[in-house]
N, C-alpha and C. Protein backbone atom coordinates (compact mmCIF):
# COMPACT_ATOMS: atom_id res chain seq x y z
N MET A 1 -12.46 -36.00 -25.19
CA MET A 1 -12.74 -35.96 -26.64
C MET A 1 -13.51 -34.62 -26.89
N ILE A 2 -13.42 -34.05 -27.87
CA ILE A 2 -14.08 -32.60 -28.38
C ILE A 2 -15.35 -33.45 -29.20
N SER A 3 -16.58 -32.89 -28.65
CA SER A 3 -17.73 -33.44 -29.00
C SER A 3 -18.37 -32.38 -29.86
N SER A 4 -18.05 -31.02 -29.41
CA SER A 4 -18.74 -29.84 -30.10
C SER A 4 -17.61 -28.98 -30.12
N ILE A 5 -17.78 -28.02 -31.23
CA ILE A 5 -16.82 -26.85 -31.46
C ILE A 5 -17.65 -25.51 -31.60
N GLN A 6 -17.38 -24.47 -30.76
CA GLN A 6 -18.04 -23.39 -30.85
C GLN A 6 -17.23 -22.46 -31.46
N THR A 7 -17.84 -21.75 -32.81
CA THR A 7 -17.24 -20.94 -33.57
C THR A 7 -17.87 -20.03 -34.68
N LYS A 8 -17.48 -19.31 -35.21
CA LYS A 8 -18.30 -18.44 -36.24
C LYS A 8 -17.82 -18.92 -37.80
N HIS A 9 -16.91 -20.02 -37.66
CA HIS A 9 -16.58 -20.60 -39.04
C HIS A 9 -17.23 -21.50 -39.80
N ASP A 10 -16.74 -21.76 -40.79
CA ASP A 10 -17.44 -22.97 -41.71
C ASP A 10 -17.53 -23.99 -40.86
N ALA A 11 -18.69 -24.88 -40.63
CA ALA A 11 -18.88 -26.00 -39.82
C ALA A 11 -17.84 -27.20 -40.32
N SER A 12 -17.77 -27.36 -41.60
CA SER A 12 -16.75 -28.27 -42.06
C SER A 12 -15.27 -28.18 -41.79
N ASP A 13 -14.65 -26.82 -41.79
CA ASP A 13 -13.40 -26.47 -41.57
C ASP A 13 -13.18 -26.68 -39.89
N VAL A 14 -14.24 -26.33 -39.26
CA VAL A 14 -14.33 -26.55 -37.78
C VAL A 14 -14.12 -27.90 -37.26
N ALA A 15 -14.78 -28.77 -38.12
CA ALA A 15 -14.99 -30.24 -37.67
C ALA A 15 -13.55 -30.77 -38.09
N ARG A 16 -13.07 -30.49 -39.37
CA ARG A 16 -11.63 -30.88 -39.73
C ARG A 16 -10.49 -30.32 -38.71
N LEU A 17 -10.60 -29.24 -38.30
CA LEU A 17 -9.40 -28.75 -37.41
C LEU A 17 -9.72 -29.42 -36.07
N GLY A 18 -10.89 -29.80 -35.61
CA GLY A 18 -11.01 -30.74 -34.54
C GLY A 18 -10.35 -31.98 -34.66
N ARG A 19 -10.53 -32.69 -35.89
CA ARG A 19 -10.38 -34.05 -35.83
C ARG A 19 -8.68 -34.02 -35.99
N VAL A 20 -8.00 -33.22 -36.80
CA VAL A 20 -6.71 -32.94 -37.06
C VAL A 20 -5.71 -32.83 -35.53
N ILE A 21 -6.69 -31.84 -34.86
CA ILE A 21 -5.87 -31.78 -33.45
C ILE A 21 -5.82 -33.09 -32.61
N LEU A 22 -7.03 -33.69 -32.79
CA LEU A 22 -7.12 -34.94 -31.82
C LEU A 22 -6.54 -36.04 -32.52
N ALA A 23 -5.98 -36.20 -33.84
CA ALA A 23 -5.03 -37.17 -34.19
C ALA A 23 -3.78 -36.80 -34.18
N SER A 24 -3.41 -35.55 -33.37
CA SER A 24 -1.95 -35.30 -33.52
C SER A 24 -1.20 -35.94 -31.95
N PRO A 25 -0.02 -36.58 -32.00
CA PRO A 25 0.40 -37.22 -30.68
C PRO A 25 0.84 -35.95 -29.90
N ILE A 26 1.14 -34.90 -30.62
CA ILE A 26 1.76 -33.77 -29.95
C ILE A 26 0.60 -32.87 -29.11
N LEU A 27 -0.60 -32.62 -29.98
CA LEU A 27 -1.69 -31.72 -29.69
C LEU A 27 -2.63 -32.18 -28.64
N GLU A 28 -2.96 -33.39 -29.12
CA GLU A 28 -4.02 -34.15 -28.41
C GLU A 28 -3.88 -34.26 -26.88
N PRO A 29 -2.60 -34.72 -26.43
CA PRO A 29 -2.49 -34.74 -25.05
C PRO A 29 -2.52 -33.35 -24.46
N ILE A 30 -2.32 -31.96 -24.95
CA ILE A 30 -2.28 -30.85 -24.64
C ILE A 30 -3.82 -30.54 -24.31
N VAL A 31 -4.66 -30.79 -25.43
CA VAL A 31 -6.06 -30.63 -25.45
C VAL A 31 -6.65 -31.35 -24.18
N ARG A 32 -6.27 -32.52 -24.27
CA ARG A 32 -7.10 -33.56 -23.15
C ARG A 32 -6.56 -33.06 -21.77
N LYS A 33 -5.61 -32.68 -21.40
CA LYS A 33 -5.34 -32.24 -20.03
C LYS A 33 -5.20 -30.42 -19.81
N TRP A 34 -5.89 -29.92 -20.67
CA TRP A 34 -5.95 -28.44 -20.76
C TRP A 34 -6.47 -27.92 -19.07
N GLU A 35 -7.37 -28.61 -18.63
CA GLU A 35 -7.79 -28.05 -17.34
C GLU A 35 -6.81 -27.87 -16.27
N LYS A 36 -5.64 -28.48 -16.50
CA LYS A 36 -4.40 -28.65 -15.66
C LYS A 36 -3.56 -27.30 -15.86
N VAL A 37 -3.71 -26.94 -17.10
CA VAL A 37 -2.78 -25.63 -17.48
C VAL A 37 -3.12 -24.49 -16.60
N SER A 38 -4.52 -24.12 -16.28
CA SER A 38 -4.91 -23.21 -15.23
C SER A 38 -3.90 -21.85 -15.31
N LEU A 39 -4.21 -21.39 -16.59
CA LEU A 39 -3.65 -20.02 -16.76
C LEU A 39 -4.81 -18.94 -17.35
N PRO A 40 -4.86 -17.89 -17.01
CA PRO A 40 -5.87 -16.78 -17.64
C PRO A 40 -5.63 -16.51 -19.04
N ASP A 41 -6.89 -16.47 -19.63
CA ASP A 41 -7.12 -16.14 -20.99
C ASP A 41 -6.02 -16.86 -21.90
N CYS A 42 -5.79 -18.39 -21.60
CA CYS A 42 -4.79 -19.13 -22.23
C CYS A 42 -5.16 -19.71 -23.50
N TRP A 43 -4.48 -19.73 -24.51
CA TRP A 43 -4.58 -20.40 -25.81
C TRP A 43 -3.73 -21.14 -26.39
N LEU A 44 -3.76 -22.37 -26.82
CA LEU A 44 -2.86 -22.95 -27.83
C LEU A 44 -2.94 -22.16 -29.18
N VAL A 45 -1.53 -21.74 -29.47
CA VAL A 45 -1.76 -20.92 -30.87
C VAL A 45 -0.61 -21.31 -31.84
N ALA A 46 -0.87 -20.75 -33.06
CA ALA A 46 0.30 -20.52 -33.73
C ALA A 46 0.70 -21.61 -34.79
N GLY A 47 1.94 -21.80 -34.81
CA GLY A 47 2.78 -22.71 -35.90
C GLY A 47 2.27 -24.02 -35.66
N ALA A 48 2.42 -24.71 -34.45
CA ALA A 48 2.11 -26.34 -34.23
C ALA A 48 0.77 -26.49 -34.71
N ILE A 49 -0.24 -25.55 -34.65
CA ILE A 49 -1.46 -25.75 -35.08
C ILE A 49 -1.69 -25.69 -36.70
N ALA A 50 -0.81 -24.78 -37.37
CA ALA A 50 -0.92 -24.61 -38.80
C ALA A 50 -0.22 -25.77 -39.35
N GLN A 51 0.92 -26.23 -38.91
CA GLN A 51 1.76 -27.29 -39.26
C GLN A 51 1.27 -28.62 -39.16
N THR A 52 0.39 -28.90 -38.14
CA THR A 52 -0.32 -30.02 -38.17
C THR A 52 -1.30 -29.91 -39.14
N VAL A 53 -2.05 -29.12 -39.39
CA VAL A 53 -3.00 -29.22 -40.66
C VAL A 53 -2.33 -29.35 -41.95
N TRP A 54 -1.36 -28.71 -42.12
CA TRP A 54 -0.31 -28.97 -43.36
C TRP A 54 0.03 -30.36 -43.47
N ASN A 55 0.58 -30.77 -42.37
CA ASN A 55 1.01 -32.28 -42.45
C ASN A 55 -0.45 -33.25 -42.87
N ASP A 56 -1.66 -32.94 -42.46
CA ASP A 56 -2.75 -33.63 -42.68
C ASP A 56 -3.12 -33.35 -44.22
N ALA A 57 -2.89 -32.25 -44.66
CA ALA A 57 -3.06 -31.83 -46.22
C ALA A 57 -2.23 -32.64 -46.96
N PHE A 58 -1.05 -32.58 -46.56
CA PHE A 58 0.06 -33.16 -47.57
C PHE A 58 0.41 -34.77 -47.36
N GLY A 59 0.03 -35.06 -46.36
CA GLY A 59 0.09 -36.59 -46.28
C GLY A 59 1.32 -36.84 -45.32
N PHE A 60 1.85 -35.85 -44.55
CA PHE A 60 2.93 -36.10 -43.71
C PHE A 60 2.43 -36.92 -42.36
N ASP A 61 3.51 -37.41 -41.49
CA ASP A 61 2.91 -37.81 -40.19
C ASP A 61 2.65 -36.79 -39.43
N PRO A 62 1.78 -36.61 -38.67
CA PRO A 62 0.93 -35.52 -37.84
C PRO A 62 2.49 -34.69 -37.08
N ASP A 63 3.30 -35.36 -36.66
CA ASP A 63 4.49 -34.57 -35.98
C ASP A 63 5.51 -33.98 -36.91
N HIS A 64 5.47 -34.23 -38.11
CA HIS A 64 6.65 -33.68 -39.07
C HIS A 64 6.61 -32.39 -39.08
N GLY A 65 7.83 -32.03 -38.77
CA GLY A 65 8.35 -30.53 -38.90
C GLY A 65 7.80 -29.53 -37.61
N VAL A 66 7.20 -30.26 -36.64
CA VAL A 66 6.65 -29.55 -35.28
C VAL A 66 7.85 -29.69 -34.45
N VAL A 67 8.47 -28.47 -33.78
CA VAL A 67 9.50 -28.63 -33.18
C VAL A 67 9.22 -27.94 -31.78
N ASP A 68 8.14 -27.11 -31.84
CA ASP A 68 7.70 -26.49 -30.59
C ASP A 68 6.29 -26.26 -30.58
N VAL A 69 5.55 -25.95 -29.39
CA VAL A 69 4.30 -25.62 -29.24
C VAL A 69 3.99 -24.45 -28.34
N ASP A 70 3.44 -23.52 -28.86
CA ASP A 70 3.24 -22.35 -28.01
C ASP A 70 2.00 -22.14 -27.51
N LEU A 71 2.09 -21.87 -25.96
CA LEU A 71 0.78 -21.53 -25.19
C LEU A 71 0.96 -20.11 -24.66
N VAL A 72 -0.05 -19.37 -25.06
CA VAL A 72 0.02 -17.94 -24.63
C VAL A 72 -1.28 -17.40 -23.63
N TYR A 73 -0.87 -16.65 -22.66
CA TYR A 73 -1.83 -16.40 -21.87
C TYR A 73 -1.84 -14.96 -21.40
N PHE A 74 -2.74 -14.55 -20.84
CA PHE A 74 -2.81 -12.82 -20.63
C PHE A 74 -2.94 -12.42 -18.97
N ASP A 75 -2.01 -12.18 -18.37
CA ASP A 75 -2.10 -11.96 -16.89
C ASP A 75 -1.52 -10.12 -16.82
N GLY A 76 -2.53 -9.26 -17.09
CA GLY A 76 -1.86 -7.89 -16.78
C GLY A 76 -1.64 -7.59 -15.36
N ALA A 77 -1.96 -8.39 -14.39
CA ALA A 77 -1.95 -7.80 -13.11
C ALA A 77 -0.40 -8.66 -12.53
N ASP A 78 0.36 -9.38 -13.46
CA ASP A 78 1.58 -9.90 -12.94
C ASP A 78 2.32 -10.09 -14.21
N LEU A 79 3.34 -8.97 -14.36
CA LEU A 79 4.35 -8.63 -15.45
C LEU A 79 5.59 -9.30 -15.09
N SER A 80 6.02 -10.03 -14.25
CA SER A 80 6.96 -10.47 -13.71
C SER A 80 7.63 -11.54 -14.71
N GLU A 81 8.93 -11.52 -14.96
CA GLU A 81 9.64 -12.27 -16.12
C GLU A 81 9.55 -13.85 -14.90
N ASP A 82 10.12 -13.49 -13.77
CA ASP A 82 10.06 -14.78 -12.92
C ASP A 82 8.78 -15.76 -12.91
N THR A 83 7.66 -14.98 -12.67
CA THR A 83 6.24 -15.87 -12.76
C THR A 83 5.88 -16.50 -14.00
N GLU A 84 6.39 -15.57 -15.08
CA GLU A 84 6.31 -16.30 -16.30
C GLU A 84 7.16 -17.50 -16.48
N ALA A 85 8.41 -17.59 -16.24
CA ALA A 85 9.20 -18.60 -16.18
C ALA A 85 8.75 -19.73 -15.34
N GLU A 86 8.20 -19.57 -13.94
CA GLU A 86 7.55 -20.36 -13.20
C GLU A 86 6.33 -21.20 -13.94
N HIS A 87 5.50 -20.42 -14.55
CA HIS A 87 4.42 -21.06 -15.30
C HIS A 87 5.11 -21.99 -16.35
N ALA A 88 5.80 -21.69 -17.02
CA ALA A 88 6.49 -22.20 -18.23
C ALA A 88 7.27 -23.61 -17.58
N SER A 89 7.95 -23.51 -16.56
CA SER A 89 8.44 -24.58 -15.96
C SER A 89 7.34 -25.84 -15.60
N ARG A 90 6.22 -25.39 -15.02
CA ARG A 90 5.44 -26.04 -14.55
C ARG A 90 4.56 -26.89 -15.68
N ILE A 91 4.40 -25.93 -16.62
CA ILE A 91 3.55 -26.61 -18.05
C ILE A 91 4.61 -27.40 -18.68
N ARG A 92 5.81 -27.06 -18.95
CA ARG A 92 6.80 -28.20 -19.56
C ARG A 92 6.73 -29.53 -18.80
N SER A 93 6.62 -29.43 -17.43
CA SER A 93 6.59 -30.80 -16.70
C SER A 93 5.35 -31.23 -16.73
N LEU A 94 4.18 -30.64 -16.97
CA LEU A 94 3.06 -31.29 -17.22
C LEU A 94 2.79 -31.96 -18.53
N TYR A 95 3.42 -31.50 -19.46
CA TYR A 95 3.63 -32.15 -20.92
C TYR A 95 4.92 -32.40 -21.22
N SER A 96 5.67 -33.05 -20.39
CA SER A 96 7.02 -33.58 -20.54
C SER A 96 6.88 -34.60 -21.70
N ASP A 97 5.91 -35.39 -21.59
CA ASP A 97 6.00 -36.53 -22.58
C ASP A 97 5.58 -36.10 -23.81
N CYS A 98 5.14 -35.01 -24.37
CA CYS A 98 4.61 -34.73 -25.68
C CYS A 98 5.85 -34.62 -26.62
N GLY A 99 7.14 -34.56 -26.33
CA GLY A 99 8.05 -34.79 -27.31
C GLY A 99 8.77 -33.36 -28.00
N VAL A 100 8.28 -32.42 -27.64
CA VAL A 100 8.63 -31.23 -28.19
C VAL A 100 8.69 -29.99 -27.12
N LYS A 101 9.10 -28.78 -27.39
CA LYS A 101 9.50 -28.03 -26.41
C LYS A 101 8.02 -27.19 -26.39
N ILE A 102 7.53 -26.77 -25.24
CA ILE A 102 6.62 -26.22 -24.97
C ILE A 102 6.95 -24.72 -24.38
N ASP A 103 6.59 -23.91 -25.21
CA ASP A 103 6.91 -22.30 -24.98
C ASP A 103 5.60 -21.52 -24.25
N VAL A 104 5.91 -21.13 -23.25
CA VAL A 104 4.74 -20.46 -22.45
C VAL A 104 5.10 -18.96 -22.19
N LYS A 105 4.18 -17.98 -22.92
CA LYS A 105 4.49 -16.61 -22.68
C LYS A 105 3.14 -15.95 -22.26
N ASN A 106 3.43 -14.91 -21.52
CA ASN A 106 2.53 -13.89 -20.87
C ASN A 106 2.24 -12.88 -21.95
N GLU A 107 1.11 -12.65 -22.83
CA GLU A 107 1.23 -11.80 -23.83
C GLU A 107 0.96 -10.39 -23.11
N ALA A 108 0.65 -10.17 -21.86
CA ALA A 108 0.62 -8.84 -21.45
C ALA A 108 1.86 -8.16 -21.23
N ARG A 109 3.06 -8.88 -21.20
CA ARG A 109 4.53 -8.43 -20.77
C ARG A 109 5.25 -8.17 -22.17
N VAL A 110 4.99 -8.74 -23.34
CA VAL A 110 5.53 -8.92 -24.60
C VAL A 110 6.07 -7.62 -25.06
N HIS A 111 5.33 -6.60 -24.80
CA HIS A 111 6.01 -5.11 -25.21
C HIS A 111 7.10 -4.65 -24.28
N LEU A 112 7.45 -5.49 -23.21
CA LEU A 112 8.61 -4.95 -22.24
C LEU A 112 9.90 -5.49 -22.79
N TRP A 113 9.88 -6.48 -23.77
CA TRP A 113 10.98 -7.27 -24.21
C TRP A 113 11.08 -7.10 -25.89
N TYR A 114 9.89 -6.81 -26.38
CA TYR A 114 10.08 -6.92 -27.93
C TYR A 114 11.14 -6.07 -28.64
N SER A 115 11.35 -5.05 -28.10
CA SER A 115 12.19 -4.04 -28.97
C SER A 115 13.64 -4.68 -28.86
N GLN A 116 14.02 -5.21 -27.59
CA GLN A 116 15.28 -5.87 -27.58
C GLN A 116 15.39 -7.02 -28.25
N ARG A 117 14.41 -7.67 -28.67
CA ARG A 117 14.62 -8.93 -29.54
C ARG A 117 14.51 -8.71 -30.90
N PHE A 118 13.54 -7.78 -31.25
CA PHE A 118 13.40 -7.51 -32.88
C PHE A 118 13.61 -6.12 -33.16
N GLY A 119 14.31 -5.22 -32.32
CA GLY A 119 14.91 -3.79 -32.82
C GLY A 119 13.65 -2.75 -33.06
N TYR A 120 12.51 -2.99 -32.44
CA TYR A 120 11.46 -1.96 -32.60
C TYR A 120 10.50 -2.44 -31.79
N GLY A 121 9.77 -1.37 -31.16
CA GLY A 121 9.20 -1.65 -30.11
C GLY A 121 7.56 -1.60 -30.54
N ILE A 122 6.67 -2.10 -29.40
CA ILE A 122 5.28 -2.40 -29.90
C ILE A 122 4.27 -1.93 -28.76
N PRO A 123 2.93 -1.64 -28.83
CA PRO A 123 2.31 -1.11 -27.77
C PRO A 123 1.83 -2.31 -27.30
N PRO A 124 1.39 -2.26 -25.73
CA PRO A 124 1.05 -3.34 -25.05
C PRO A 124 -0.27 -4.01 -25.52
N TYR A 125 -0.20 -5.31 -25.59
CA TYR A 125 -1.60 -6.05 -25.88
C TYR A 125 -2.59 -6.02 -24.87
N THR A 126 -3.87 -5.97 -25.30
CA THR A 126 -4.92 -5.97 -24.32
C THR A 126 -5.71 -7.08 -24.06
N SER A 127 -5.14 -8.28 -24.72
CA SER A 127 -5.57 -9.57 -24.55
C SER A 127 -4.79 -10.43 -25.33
N THR A 128 -5.21 -11.63 -24.98
CA THR A 128 -4.34 -12.78 -25.88
C THR A 128 -4.85 -12.56 -27.39
N GLU A 129 -6.32 -12.71 -27.61
CA GLU A 129 -6.79 -12.58 -29.02
C GLU A 129 -6.56 -11.15 -29.51
N HIS A 130 -5.99 -10.17 -28.87
CA HIS A 130 -5.39 -8.93 -29.56
C HIS A 130 -3.87 -9.35 -30.24
N ALA A 131 -3.21 -10.14 -29.18
CA ALA A 131 -1.98 -10.49 -29.74
C ALA A 131 -1.96 -11.54 -31.01
N ILE A 132 -2.88 -12.34 -30.81
CA ILE A 132 -3.35 -13.40 -32.09
C ILE A 132 -3.36 -12.56 -33.17
N ARG A 133 -4.00 -11.55 -33.32
CA ARG A 133 -4.25 -10.66 -34.51
C ARG A 133 -2.92 -9.97 -35.00
N THR A 134 -1.93 -10.03 -34.34
CA THR A 134 -0.48 -9.64 -34.79
C THR A 134 0.50 -10.86 -35.24
N PHE A 135 0.18 -12.11 -35.10
CA PHE A 135 0.90 -13.21 -35.52
C PHE A 135 1.28 -12.94 -37.00
N PRO A 136 2.69 -13.55 -37.25
CA PRO A 136 3.11 -13.02 -38.64
C PRO A 136 2.41 -13.54 -40.04
N THR A 137 1.73 -14.46 -39.82
CA THR A 137 0.96 -14.95 -40.95
C THR A 137 -0.63 -15.00 -40.75
N THR A 138 -1.42 -15.01 -42.03
CA THR A 138 -2.77 -15.17 -41.58
C THR A 138 -3.09 -16.66 -41.22
N ALA A 139 -2.52 -17.70 -41.65
CA ALA A 139 -2.55 -19.03 -41.31
C ALA A 139 -2.20 -19.28 -39.95
N THR A 140 -1.05 -18.76 -39.34
CA THR A 140 -0.90 -19.01 -37.97
C THR A 140 -1.42 -18.20 -36.97
N ALA A 141 -2.09 -17.17 -37.49
CA ALA A 141 -2.78 -16.19 -36.60
C ALA A 141 -3.87 -17.20 -36.18
N ILE A 142 -3.93 -18.00 -35.29
CA ILE A 142 -5.01 -18.87 -34.87
C ILE A 142 -4.65 -19.38 -33.51
N GLY A 143 -5.79 -19.38 -32.56
CA GLY A 143 -5.73 -19.83 -31.49
C GLY A 143 -7.01 -21.09 -31.05
N VAL A 144 -6.59 -21.79 -30.28
CA VAL A 144 -7.77 -22.76 -29.92
C VAL A 144 -7.77 -22.85 -28.24
N GLN A 145 -8.91 -22.87 -27.68
CA GLN A 145 -9.14 -22.81 -26.20
C GLN A 145 -10.13 -23.88 -26.11
N PRO A 146 -9.52 -25.02 -25.41
CA PRO A 146 -10.43 -26.22 -25.08
C PRO A 146 -11.42 -25.56 -23.90
N GLU A 147 -12.75 -25.99 -24.02
CA GLU A 147 -13.66 -25.71 -23.08
C GLU A 147 -14.16 -27.09 -22.47
N CYS A 148 -14.80 -27.05 -21.28
CA CYS A 148 -15.67 -27.92 -20.79
C CYS A 148 -17.01 -27.76 -20.81
N PRO A 149 -17.91 -28.64 -21.11
CA PRO A 149 -17.57 -30.05 -21.25
C PRO A 149 -17.30 -30.26 -23.09
N GLY A 150 -16.18 -30.63 -23.46
CA GLY A 150 -16.01 -31.29 -24.79
C GLY A 150 -16.21 -30.09 -25.75
N GLY A 151 -15.92 -28.85 -25.56
CA GLY A 151 -16.13 -27.82 -26.87
C GLY A 151 -14.64 -27.29 -27.00
N LEU A 152 -14.67 -26.40 -28.14
CA LEU A 152 -13.16 -25.76 -28.53
C LEU A 152 -13.55 -24.40 -29.23
N LEU A 153 -13.21 -23.67 -28.55
CA LEU A 153 -13.06 -22.23 -28.81
C LEU A 153 -12.11 -21.96 -29.97
N ILE A 154 -12.25 -21.23 -30.95
CA ILE A 154 -11.27 -20.97 -32.04
C ILE A 154 -11.21 -19.45 -32.21
N SER A 155 -9.99 -18.83 -32.21
CA SER A 155 -9.76 -17.52 -32.56
C SER A 155 -8.94 -17.59 -33.70
N ALA A 156 -9.37 -17.14 -35.21
CA ALA A 156 -8.83 -17.06 -36.16
C ALA A 156 -9.40 -15.76 -36.93
N PRO A 157 -8.48 -14.55 -36.33
CA PRO A 157 -9.21 -13.31 -37.23
C PRO A 157 -9.21 -13.02 -38.40
N PHE A 158 -8.22 -13.81 -39.32
CA PHE A 158 -8.33 -13.84 -40.75
C PHE A 158 -8.92 -15.18 -41.23
N GLY A 159 -9.70 -15.70 -40.63
CA GLY A 159 -10.57 -16.80 -40.90
C GLY A 159 -9.67 -18.26 -41.11
N LEU A 160 -10.19 -19.20 -41.55
CA LEU A 160 -9.60 -20.62 -41.69
C LEU A 160 -8.97 -20.61 -43.42
N SER A 161 -9.75 -20.07 -44.26
CA SER A 161 -9.42 -20.36 -45.56
C SER A 161 -7.95 -20.16 -45.96
N ASP A 162 -7.19 -19.49 -45.40
CA ASP A 162 -5.72 -19.63 -45.98
C ASP A 162 -5.09 -20.77 -45.13
N LEU A 163 -5.44 -21.20 -43.85
CA LEU A 163 -5.04 -22.33 -43.34
C LEU A 163 -5.40 -23.70 -43.88
N PHE A 164 -6.44 -24.04 -44.61
CA PHE A 164 -6.97 -25.11 -44.96
C PHE A 164 -6.57 -25.06 -46.38
N GLY A 165 -6.34 -24.04 -47.03
CA GLY A 165 -5.79 -23.65 -48.39
C GLY A 165 -4.40 -23.87 -48.59
N THR A 166 -3.63 -24.23 -47.57
CA THR A 166 -2.33 -24.36 -47.37
C THR A 166 -1.26 -23.00 -47.95
N ILE A 167 -2.09 -21.90 -47.75
CA ILE A 167 -1.52 -20.75 -48.12
C ILE A 167 -0.88 -20.01 -47.18
N VAL A 168 0.41 -19.41 -47.51
CA VAL A 168 1.17 -18.59 -46.23
C VAL A 168 1.36 -17.27 -47.08
N ARG A 169 0.36 -16.25 -46.03
CA ARG A 169 0.26 -14.92 -46.66
C ARG A 169 0.74 -14.09 -45.33
N PRO A 170 1.57 -12.95 -45.63
CA PRO A 170 2.16 -12.30 -44.53
C PRO A 170 0.91 -11.42 -43.81
N ASN A 171 0.95 -11.39 -42.70
CA ASN A 171 0.26 -10.38 -42.03
C ASN A 171 1.20 -9.10 -41.35
N ARG A 172 1.00 -8.35 -42.08
CA ARG A 172 2.08 -7.01 -42.07
C ARG A 172 1.59 -6.08 -40.77
N VAL A 173 0.73 -6.24 -39.83
CA VAL A 173 0.31 -5.48 -38.94
C VAL A 173 1.54 -5.26 -37.90
N GLN A 174 2.34 -6.09 -37.80
CA GLN A 174 3.55 -5.81 -36.65
C GLN A 174 4.80 -6.45 -37.23
N VAL A 175 5.01 -7.56 -37.94
CA VAL A 175 6.28 -8.10 -38.28
C VAL A 175 6.78 -7.69 -39.49
N THR A 176 8.08 -7.96 -39.73
CA THR A 176 8.88 -7.39 -40.78
C THR A 176 9.03 -8.10 -41.85
N ARG A 177 9.47 -7.68 -42.89
CA ARG A 177 9.63 -8.55 -44.26
C ARG A 177 10.85 -9.51 -43.98
N SER A 178 11.85 -9.21 -43.13
CA SER A 178 12.78 -10.31 -42.98
C SER A 178 12.47 -11.50 -41.91
N ILE A 179 11.45 -11.16 -40.99
CA ILE A 179 10.80 -12.16 -40.20
C ILE A 179 10.18 -13.20 -41.09
N TYR A 180 9.31 -12.49 -41.91
CA TYR A 180 8.52 -13.29 -42.74
C TYR A 180 9.20 -14.22 -43.62
N ALA A 181 10.42 -13.52 -44.24
CA ALA A 181 11.20 -14.38 -45.34
C ALA A 181 11.73 -15.58 -44.52
N ALA A 182 12.43 -15.47 -43.12
CA ALA A 182 12.93 -16.45 -42.50
C ALA A 182 12.12 -17.56 -42.29
N LYS A 183 10.75 -17.17 -41.95
CA LYS A 183 9.84 -18.22 -41.74
C LYS A 183 9.54 -19.09 -42.75
N VAL A 184 9.38 -18.25 -44.09
CA VAL A 184 8.97 -18.98 -45.28
C VAL A 184 10.14 -19.77 -45.83
N ILE A 185 11.49 -19.49 -45.40
CA ILE A 185 12.61 -20.47 -45.83
C ILE A 185 12.55 -21.79 -45.13
N ARG A 186 12.08 -21.66 -44.02
CA ARG A 186 12.00 -23.02 -43.25
C ARG A 186 10.83 -23.69 -43.49
N TRP A 187 9.80 -22.98 -43.58
CA TRP A 187 8.49 -23.91 -43.90
C TRP A 187 8.56 -24.33 -45.36
N ARG A 188 9.13 -23.78 -46.16
CA ARG A 188 9.02 -24.17 -47.84
C ARG A 188 10.19 -25.67 -47.85
N SER A 189 11.16 -25.61 -46.93
CA SER A 189 11.95 -26.71 -46.93
C SER A 189 11.27 -28.10 -46.48
N LEU A 190 10.17 -27.74 -45.48
CA LEU A 190 9.78 -28.86 -44.74
C LEU A 190 8.35 -29.07 -45.56
N TRP A 191 7.47 -28.07 -46.14
CA TRP A 191 6.44 -28.48 -46.57
C TRP A 191 6.41 -27.60 -48.21
N PRO A 192 7.04 -28.04 -49.10
CA PRO A 192 7.45 -27.48 -50.42
C PRO A 192 6.20 -27.29 -51.02
N GLU A 193 4.80 -27.89 -50.86
CA GLU A 193 3.69 -27.53 -51.79
C GLU A 193 3.09 -26.38 -51.07
N LEU A 194 3.44 -25.70 -50.16
CA LEU A 194 2.64 -24.70 -49.76
C LEU A 194 2.81 -23.61 -50.59
N LYS A 195 1.74 -22.67 -50.65
CA LYS A 195 1.61 -21.63 -51.77
C LYS A 195 1.81 -20.18 -51.04
N ILE A 196 3.25 -19.93 -51.32
CA ILE A 196 3.65 -18.74 -50.43
C ILE A 196 3.19 -17.44 -51.33
N VAL A 197 2.73 -16.67 -50.58
CA VAL A 197 2.44 -15.25 -50.87
C VAL A 197 3.56 -14.18 -50.54
N ASP A 198 4.03 -13.61 -51.74
CA ASP A 198 5.14 -12.58 -51.49
C ASP A 198 4.64 -11.47 -50.69
N TRP A 199 5.61 -10.98 -49.79
CA TRP A 199 5.50 -10.12 -48.96
C TRP A 199 4.82 -8.77 -49.72
N SER A 200 5.58 -8.42 -50.73
CA SER A 200 5.00 -7.11 -51.67
C SER A 200 3.58 -7.19 -52.19
N ASP A 201 3.34 -8.42 -52.07
CA ASP A 201 1.64 -8.57 -52.76
C ASP A 201 0.67 -8.28 -51.85
N VAL A 202 0.88 -8.25 -50.66
CA VAL A 202 0.05 -7.87 -49.33
C VAL A 202 0.16 -6.20 -49.05
N PRO A 203 -0.90 -5.54 -49.22
CA PRO A 203 -0.90 -4.12 -48.71
C PRO A 203 -0.44 -4.05 -47.33
N ASP A 204 -0.13 -2.92 -47.07
CA ASP A 204 0.14 -2.53 -45.51
C ASP A 204 -0.89 -2.45 -44.63
């Protein structure tokens, strides 16, 4: 159980985030067994956190619309695709009862495959928190890292106001307009009350 949360953010938002995570049948088991993950600079990140908060805000079941969970880590000493796959297999077995796909990525090697997938290259990340700062929206640019005993670190480079304000705002640091648009289409269909900020309304 999370008894304290260490962060620079507003205490009420922090407390709410901890409560929402612990109420989720998907995220709570991940937090509870975090010590078994055993990966360097590892964070639970992005969409699954934001979507769980949106479900709480809009009165949906905690698992509504959550189809996968992202765990990202940083190991610059081992950029092997095979090692990353081995970690992913182990983590999926660890959380085989959570009901959704667990996606595990080494952020230290993202630059090796990014251009093949998205059509343009990126420089190497220097840490997991560096990677979080490039996530597609301000609300999903978030990571949590359970600590012992009973603490939770939060990495939210754009703050928590958009997350709890149910605002979807593009983070144009790295992603393209088409990537953002595709996410908006899916999210709007599942959470129609989201406040969507147009791509062109945010400066480069």
